[in-house]
Amino acid sequence: MLTPEQQEALDQLFPPAKNGNVQGTAVTIPPVLSDLLQTWLGVSGEQVQVVLQKLLQQRNAWEGRFLDWAEGNPMESAFGFLGAAAAAFYAAERVANPKINTFIDAFYYIATCASVGYADVFAVTQTGKAIASLVMVVGPGLADRALNRPVIRDT
């Protein structure tokens, strides 16, 4: 069931045919609605734009908080990154790769990408290769940070 606003918008887009117009006059193109988001969702494009601008203005603060958390919790951030990468790798490879049957298979492969690089599993999809490449670049740094915390010396 359409709301009255939605019905009005449809009537503006597609005016009802007039009775008695058998000859067929020139068809006029109905005016384009200024904001379809407002009509169909009840949220204007301007409102969406304002929210996105606010989020972008807060980006640096959120990014700083995330980096502070990752630096203060290196083991948790490393496992979080590896877990997310394994989930993405599993989603990309589970159908195409006969060696990826479970999440644990994917986690095993991703964990080896982050460390020594040995595995009997290889990525076969382009998405899987991209995820593995990212892990190969970022993973060793995360592992180093998680396992070799800086020594704080009294001076």
Protein backbone atom coordinates (compact mmCIF):
# COMPACT_ATOMS: atom_id res chain seq x y z
CA MET A 1 0.00 0.00 0.00
CA LEU A 2 1.41 3.38 -0.97
CA THR A 3 1.44 6.40 1.26
CA PRO A 4 -0.34 9.50 -0.03
CA GLU A 5 3.04 11.11 -0.76
CA GLN A 6 4.17 8.11 -2.78
CA GLN A 7 0.87 8.02 -4.73
CA GLU A 8 1.21 11.74 -5.49
CA ALA A 9 4.76 11.20 -6.71
CA LEU A 10 3.59 8.38 -8.99
CA ASP A 11 0.80 10.58 -10.32
CA GLN A 12 3.34 13.28 -11.11
CA LEU A 13 5.62 10.83 -12.88
CA PHE A 14 2.83 8.99 -14.71
CA PRO A 15 -0.26 11.18 -15.00
CA PRO A 16 -3.52 9.27 -15.28
CA ALA A 17 -4.79 8.94 -18.88
CA LYS A 18 -7.65 11.28 -19.74
CA ASN A 19 -10.85 9.78 -21.09
CA GLY A 20 -11.81 10.69 -24.61
CA ASN A 21 -8.23 11.02 -25.87
CA VAL A 22 -8.62 8.56 -28.70
CA GLN A 23 -6.67 10.58 -31.26
CA GLY A 24 -3.45 10.35 -29.24
CA THR A 25 -1.87 13.73 -28.67
CA ALA A 26 1.82 14.34 -28.05
CA VAL A 27 3.06 12.70 -24.89
CA THR A 28 4.61 15.08 -22.40
CA ILE A 29 7.43 13.91 -20.18
CA PRO A 30 6.40 14.32 -16.57
CA PRO A 31 8.64 16.49 -14.43
CA VAL A 32 11.38 14.60 -12.67
CA LEU A 33 11.01 14.58 -8.94
CA SER A 34 13.59 16.66 -7.17
CA ASP A 35 14.33 14.01 -4.56
CA LEU A 36 13.32 10.38 -4.97
CA LEU A 37 14.89 9.42 -1.64
CA GLN A 38 12.46 11.69 0.19
CA THR A 39 9.51 10.33 -1.74
CA TRP A 40 10.23 6.64 -1.30
CA LEU A 41 12.24 6.41 1.89
CA GLY A 42 11.25 9.51 3.80
CA VAL A 43 14.87 10.67 3.96
CA SER A 44 16.08 13.42 1.69
CA GLY A 45 19.34 13.35 -0.21
CA GLU A 46 20.30 16.49 1.67
CA GLN A 47 19.82 14.72 5.01
CA VAL A 48 21.98 11.82 3.84
CA GLN A 49 24.64 14.26 2.70
CA VAL A 50 24.67 16.02 6.09
CA VAL A 51 25.10 12.71 7.95
CA LEU A 52 27.92 11.61 5.63
CA GLN A 53 29.70 14.95 6.08
CA LYS A 54 29.48 14.62 9.87
CA LEU A 55 30.91 11.09 9.69
CA LEU A 56 33.76 12.25 7.47
CA GLN A 57 34.54 15.09 9.87
CA GLN A 58 34.79 12.54 12.71
CA ARG A 59 36.94 10.17 10.64
CA ASN A 60 40.27 11.37 12.02
CA ALA A 61 39.09 11.04 15.60
CA TRP A 62 37.77 7.51 15.01
CA GLU A 63 40.90 6.55 13.13
CA GLY A 64 43.07 7.85 15.97
CA ARG A 65 41.05 5.90 18.55
CA PHE A 66 41.32 2.74 16.49
CA LEU A 67 45.08 3.12 16.06
CA ASP A 68 45.53 3.82 19.78
CA TRP A 69 43.53 0.68 20.57
CA ALA A 70 45.51 -1.42 18.07
CA GLU A 71 48.81 -0.13 19.46
CA GLY A 72 47.72 -0.75 23.04
CA ASN A 73 46.34 -4.22 22.25
CA PRO A 74 48.63 -5.71 19.62
CA MET A 75 47.66 -9.35 20.19
CA GLU A 76 43.94 -8.63 19.94
CA SER A 77 44.38 -6.46 16.85
CA ALA A 78 46.53 -9.13 15.16
CA PHE A 79 43.97 -11.86 15.86
CA GLY A 80 41.14 -9.56 14.80
CA PHE A 81 42.86 -8.77 11.52
CA LEU A 82 43.68 -12.43 10.87
CA GLY A 83 40.14 -13.50 11.78
CA ALA A 84 38.56 -10.94 9.46
CA ALA A 85 40.99 -11.84 6.67
CA ALA A 86 40.24 -15.55 7.18
CA ALA A 87 36.49 -14.91 7.02
CA ALA A 88 36.90 -12.93 3.80
CA PHE A 89 39.23 -15.57 2.36
CA TYR A 90 36.77 -18.33 3.28
CA ALA A 91 33.93 -16.46 1.59
CA ALA A 92 36.02 -15.96 -1.55
CA GLU A 93 37.51 -19.45 -1.80
CA ARG A 94 35.06 -21.94 -0.28
CA VAL A 95 33.29 -22.74 -3.55
CA ALA A 96 36.27 -22.53 -5.91
CA ASN A 97 39.03 -24.04 -3.77
CA PRO A 98 38.76 -27.75 -2.90
CA LYS A 99 41.19 -27.30 0.02
CA ILE A 100 39.04 -24.67 1.78
CA ASN A 101 36.20 -26.60 3.39
CA THR A 102 35.94 -24.86 6.77
CA PHE A 103 36.76 -21.54 8.38
CA ILE A 104 39.67 -23.29 10.12
CA ASP A 105 41.14 -24.20 6.71
CA ALA A 106 40.97 -20.54 5.72
CA PHE A 107 42.42 -19.39 9.05
CA TYR A 108 45.28 -21.86 8.70
CA TYR A 109 46.17 -20.47 5.27
CA ILE A 110 45.88 -16.83 6.37
CA ALA A 111 47.97 -17.45 9.50
CA THR A 112 50.75 -18.93 7.39
CA CYS A 113 50.55 -15.91 5.06
CA ALA A 114 51.18 -13.68 8.06
CA SER A 115 54.20 -15.62 9.22
CA VAL A 116 56.48 -18.04 7.38
CA GLY A 117 54.44 -18.27 4.21
CA TYR A 118 54.33 -22.07 4.07
CA ALA A 119 51.08 -23.78 3.31
CA ASP A 120 49.73 -26.67 1.34
CA VAL A 121 46.81 -24.42 0.38
CA PHE A 122 46.92 -21.74 -2.28
CA ALA A 123 44.47 -19.06 -3.30
CA VAL A 124 42.72 -19.79 -6.61
CA THR A 125 40.36 -16.80 -6.99
CA GLN A 126 41.42 -13.23 -7.69
CA THR A 127 39.73 -12.06 -4.49
CA GLY A 128 41.50 -14.76 -2.48
CA LYS A 129 44.85 -13.76 -3.99
CA ALA A 130 44.22 -10.10 -3.13
CA ILE A 131 43.32 -10.95 0.48
CA ALA A 132 46.38 -13.20 0.80
CA SER A 133 48.60 -10.45 -0.63
CA LEU A 134 47.29 -7.93 1.88
CA VAL A 135 47.92 -10.38 4.72
CA MET A 136 51.44 -11.07 3.43
CA VAL A 137 52.20 -7.34 3.54
CA VAL A 138 50.49 -6.39 6.81
CA GLY A 139 50.60 -9.68 8.72
CA PRO A 140 54.31 -9.88 9.56
CA GLY A 141 54.25 -6.37 10.99
CA LEU A 142 51.25 -7.21 13.15
CA ALA A 143 52.87 -10.45 14.31
CA ASP A 144 56.08 -8.61 15.15
CA ARG A 145 54.19 -5.97 17.08
CA ALA A 146 52.14 -8.57 18.94
CA LEU A 147 55.08 -10.78 19.88
CA ASN A 148 57.83 -8.21 20.46
CA ARG A 149 56.48 -5.53 22.72
CA PRO A 150 58.89 -2.66 23.21
CA VAL A 151 61.01 -2.77 26.33
CA ILE A 152 60.45 0.20 28.59
CA ARG A 153 63.65 1.09 30.42
CA ASP A 154 63.96 3.30 33.42
CA THR A 155 66.31 6.20 32.78
